[in-house]
Amino acid sequence: MSDMSDALRLDGNAVGGVLDEVFGREMTNSPCQCAHCGAVGPIATLNAFIHAPGLVLRCPKCEEIVLRLVRMPEVFRLDARGAAYLQLVRTLER
């Protein structure tokens, strides 16, 4: 990555609050798999870029985009084409 990208890069924990708002749960420990290189790890390990109209999460191995998220006045738009999967733990009611 370029020096400018390095200066703007955060880890996936930086978007934890927004993901909680979208999914209604803590997501930074949720595993996902990069659809480009197959790397698997928690969202917290993705590289986060938040200095744009939306959020971009990139794979730390191949640097391809895994997730894009834009917050609009009344909706969120989530593009997860770069994720082979995003694992959510079920909460079972008793």
C-alpha atoms as a PDB file:
ATOM      1  CA  MET A   1       0.000   0.000   0.000  1.00  0.00           C
ATOM      2  CA  SER A   2       1.074   3.587  -0.534  1.00  0.00           C
ATOM      3  CA  ASP A   3       2.240   5.825   2.297  1.00  0.00           C
ATOM      4  CA  MET A   4      -1.063   7.707   2.141  1.00  0.00           C
ATOM      5  CA  SER A   5      -3.043   4.476   2.476  1.00  0.00           C
ATOM      6  CA  ASP A   6      -0.879   3.436   5.412  1.00  0.00           C
ATOM      7  CA  ALA A   7      -1.631   6.743   7.146  1.00  0.00           C
ATOM      8  CA  LEU A   8      -5.396   6.278   6.712  1.00  0.00           C
ATOM      9  CA  ARG A   9      -5.550   2.566   7.589  1.00  0.00           C
ATOM     10  CA  LEU A  10      -7.119   1.446  10.881  1.00  0.00           C
ATOM     11  CA  ASP A  11      -8.026  -2.045  12.040  1.00  0.00           C
ATOM     12  CA  GLY A  12     -11.544  -3.453  11.872  1.00  0.00           C
ATOM     13  CA  ASN A  13     -12.252  -2.468  15.475  1.00  0.00           C
ATOM     14  CA  ALA A  14     -12.647   1.114  14.224  1.00  0.00           C
ATOM     15  CA  VAL A  15     -15.969   0.208  12.577  1.00  0.00           C
ATOM     16  CA  GLY A  16     -17.335  -1.860  15.457  1.00  0.00           C
ATOM     17  CA  GLY A  17     -19.944   0.734  16.432  1.00  0.00           C
ATOM     18  CA  VAL A  18     -21.326   1.064  12.919  1.00  0.00           C
ATOM     19  CA  LEU A  19     -21.449  -2.715  12.454  1.00  0.00           C
ATOM     20  CA  ASP A  20     -23.286  -3.008  15.780  1.00  0.00           C
ATOM     21  CA  GLU A  21     -25.797  -0.477  14.483  1.00  0.00           C
ATOM     22  CA  VAL A  22     -26.276  -2.450  11.243  1.00  0.00           C
ATOM     23  CA  PHE A  23     -26.349  -5.986  12.657  1.00  0.00           C
ATOM     24  CA  GLY A  24     -27.625  -5.257  16.183  1.00  0.00           C
ATOM     25  CA  ARG A  25     -24.726  -7.151  17.742  1.00  0.00           C
ATOM     26  CA  GLU A  26     -20.991  -7.053  18.352  1.00  0.00           C
ATOM     27  CA  MET A  27     -19.371  -8.010  15.053  1.00  0.00           C
ATOM     28  CA  THR A  28     -15.629  -7.419  15.367  1.00  0.00           C
ATOM     29  CA  ASN A  29     -15.011 -11.006  16.558  1.00  0.00           C
ATOM     30  CA  SER A  30     -17.159 -12.525  13.804  1.00  0.00           C
ATOM     31  CA  PRO A  31     -15.102 -14.551  11.339  1.00  0.00           C
ATOM     32  CA  CYS A  32     -15.240 -13.834   7.639  1.00  0.00           C
ATOM     33  CA  GLN A  33     -13.438 -15.237   4.629  1.00  0.00           C
ATOM     34  CA  CYS A  34     -11.946 -13.153   1.830  1.00  0.00           C
ATOM     35  CA  ALA A  35     -13.529 -14.228  -1.459  1.00  0.00           C
ATOM     36  CA  HIS A  36     -10.340 -13.265  -3.312  1.00  0.00           C
ATOM     37  CA  CYS A  37      -7.555 -15.131  -1.466  1.00  0.00           C
ATOM     38  CA  GLY A  38      -9.434 -17.339   1.019  1.00  0.00           C
ATOM     39  CA  ALA A  39      -7.912 -15.785   4.154  1.00  0.00           C
ATOM     40  CA  VAL A  40     -10.103 -16.253   7.237  1.00  0.00           C
ATOM     41  CA  GLY A  41     -10.124 -14.080  10.332  1.00  0.00           C
ATOM     42  CA  PRO A  42     -12.297 -11.908  12.538  1.00  0.00           C
ATOM     43  CA  ILE A  43     -13.558  -8.604  11.170  1.00  0.00           C
ATOM     44  CA  ALA A  44     -11.263  -6.846  13.659  1.00  0.00           C
ATOM     45  CA  THR A  45      -8.258  -8.005  11.595  1.00  0.00           C
ATOM     46  CA  LEU A  46      -9.476  -6.402   8.368  1.00  0.00           C
ATOM     47  CA  ASN A  47      -7.933  -3.090   7.321  1.00  0.00           C
ATOM     48  CA  ALA A  48     -10.499  -0.302   7.733  1.00  0.00           C
ATOM     49  CA  PHE A  49     -10.606   2.920   5.753  1.00  0.00           C
ATOM     50  CA  ILE A  50     -13.175   5.325   7.156  1.00  0.00           C
ATOM     51  CA  HIS A  51     -12.167   8.674   5.597  1.00  0.00           C
ATOM     52  CA  ALA A  52     -14.569   8.540   2.666  1.00  0.00           C
ATOM     53  CA  PRO A  53     -18.305   8.791   2.105  1.00  0.00           C
ATOM     54  CA  GLY A  54     -18.487   5.167   3.252  1.00  0.00           C
ATOM     55  CA  LEU A  55     -16.422   2.545   5.049  1.00  0.00           C
ATOM     56  CA  VAL A  56     -14.142   0.130   3.236  1.00  0.00           C
ATOM     57  CA  LEU A  57     -12.755  -3.042   4.842  1.00  0.00           C
ATOM     58  CA  ARG A  58      -9.864  -4.723   3.041  1.00  0.00           C
ATOM     59  CA  CYS A  59      -8.207  -8.103   3.486  1.00  0.00           C
ATOM     60  CA  PRO A  60      -4.898  -7.782   5.358  1.00  0.00           C
ATOM     61  CA  LYS A  61      -3.364 -10.555   3.200  1.00  0.00           C
ATOM     62  CA  CYS A  62      -4.259  -9.595  -0.397  1.00  0.00           C
ATOM     63  CA  GLU A  63      -5.558  -6.035   0.198  1.00  0.00           C
ATOM     64  CA  GLU A  64      -8.726  -6.657  -1.843  1.00  0.00           C
ATOM     65  CA  ILE A  65     -12.023  -5.123  -0.680  1.00  0.00           C
ATOM     66  CA  VAL A  66     -14.064  -7.471   1.520  1.00  0.00           C
ATOM     67  CA  LEU A  67     -16.878  -5.161   2.703  1.00  0.00           C
ATOM     68  CA  ARG A  68     -18.163  -1.707   1.796  1.00  0.00           C
ATOM     69  CA  LEU A  69     -20.719   0.122   3.925  1.00  0.00           C
ATOM     70  CA  VAL A  70     -22.423   3.453   3.316  1.00  0.00           C
ATOM     71  CA  ARG A  71     -24.648   5.106   5.919  1.00  0.00           C
ATOM     72  CA  MET A  72     -27.418   7.112   4.283  1.00  0.00           C
ATOM     73  CA  PRO A  73     -30.098   9.193   6.053  1.00  0.00           C
ATOM     74  CA  GLU A  74     -32.653   6.373   6.165  1.00  0.00           C
ATOM     75  CA  VAL A  75     -30.772   3.207   5.150  1.00  0.00           C
ATOM     76  CA  PHE A  76     -27.432   1.440   5.158  1.00  0.00           C
ATOM     77  CA  ARG A  77     -26.016  -0.007   1.963  1.00  0.00           C
ATOM     78  CA  LEU A  78     -23.763  -3.001   2.491  1.00  0.00           C
ATOM     79  CA  ASP A  79     -21.709  -4.556  -0.292  1.00  0.00           C
ATOM     80  CA  ALA A  80     -20.218  -7.850   0.883  1.00  0.00           C
ATOM     81  CA  ARG A  81     -19.218  -9.266  -2.518  1.00  0.00           C
ATOM     82  CA  GLY A  82     -15.633  -9.556  -1.317  1.00  0.00           C
ATOM     83  CA  ALA A  83     -16.607 -11.910   1.510  1.00  0.00           C
ATOM     84  CA  ALA A  84     -17.042 -15.603   0.783  1.00  0.00           C
ATOM     85  CA  TYR A  85     -18.890 -15.699   4.113  1.00  0.00           C
ATOM     86  CA  LEU A  86     -19.516 -13.686   7.246  1.00  0.00           C
ATOM     87  CA  GLN A  87     -20.280 -15.876  10.253  1.00  0.00           C
ATOM     88  CA  LEU A  88     -22.922 -14.794  12.793  1.00  0.00           C
ATOM     89  CA  VAL A  89     -23.379 -16.758  16.004  1.00  0.00           C
ATOM     90  CA  ARG A  90     -27.038 -17.588  16.674  1.00  0.00           C
ATOM     91  CA  THR A  91     -28.560 -16.648  19.966  1.00  0.00           C
ATOM     92  CA  LEU A  92     -30.948 -19.388  20.978  1.00  0.00           C
ATOM     93  CA  GLU A  93     -34.056 -18.486  22.916  1.00  0.00           C
ATOM     94  CA  ARG A  94     -34.994 -20.706  25.808  1.00  0.00           C
END
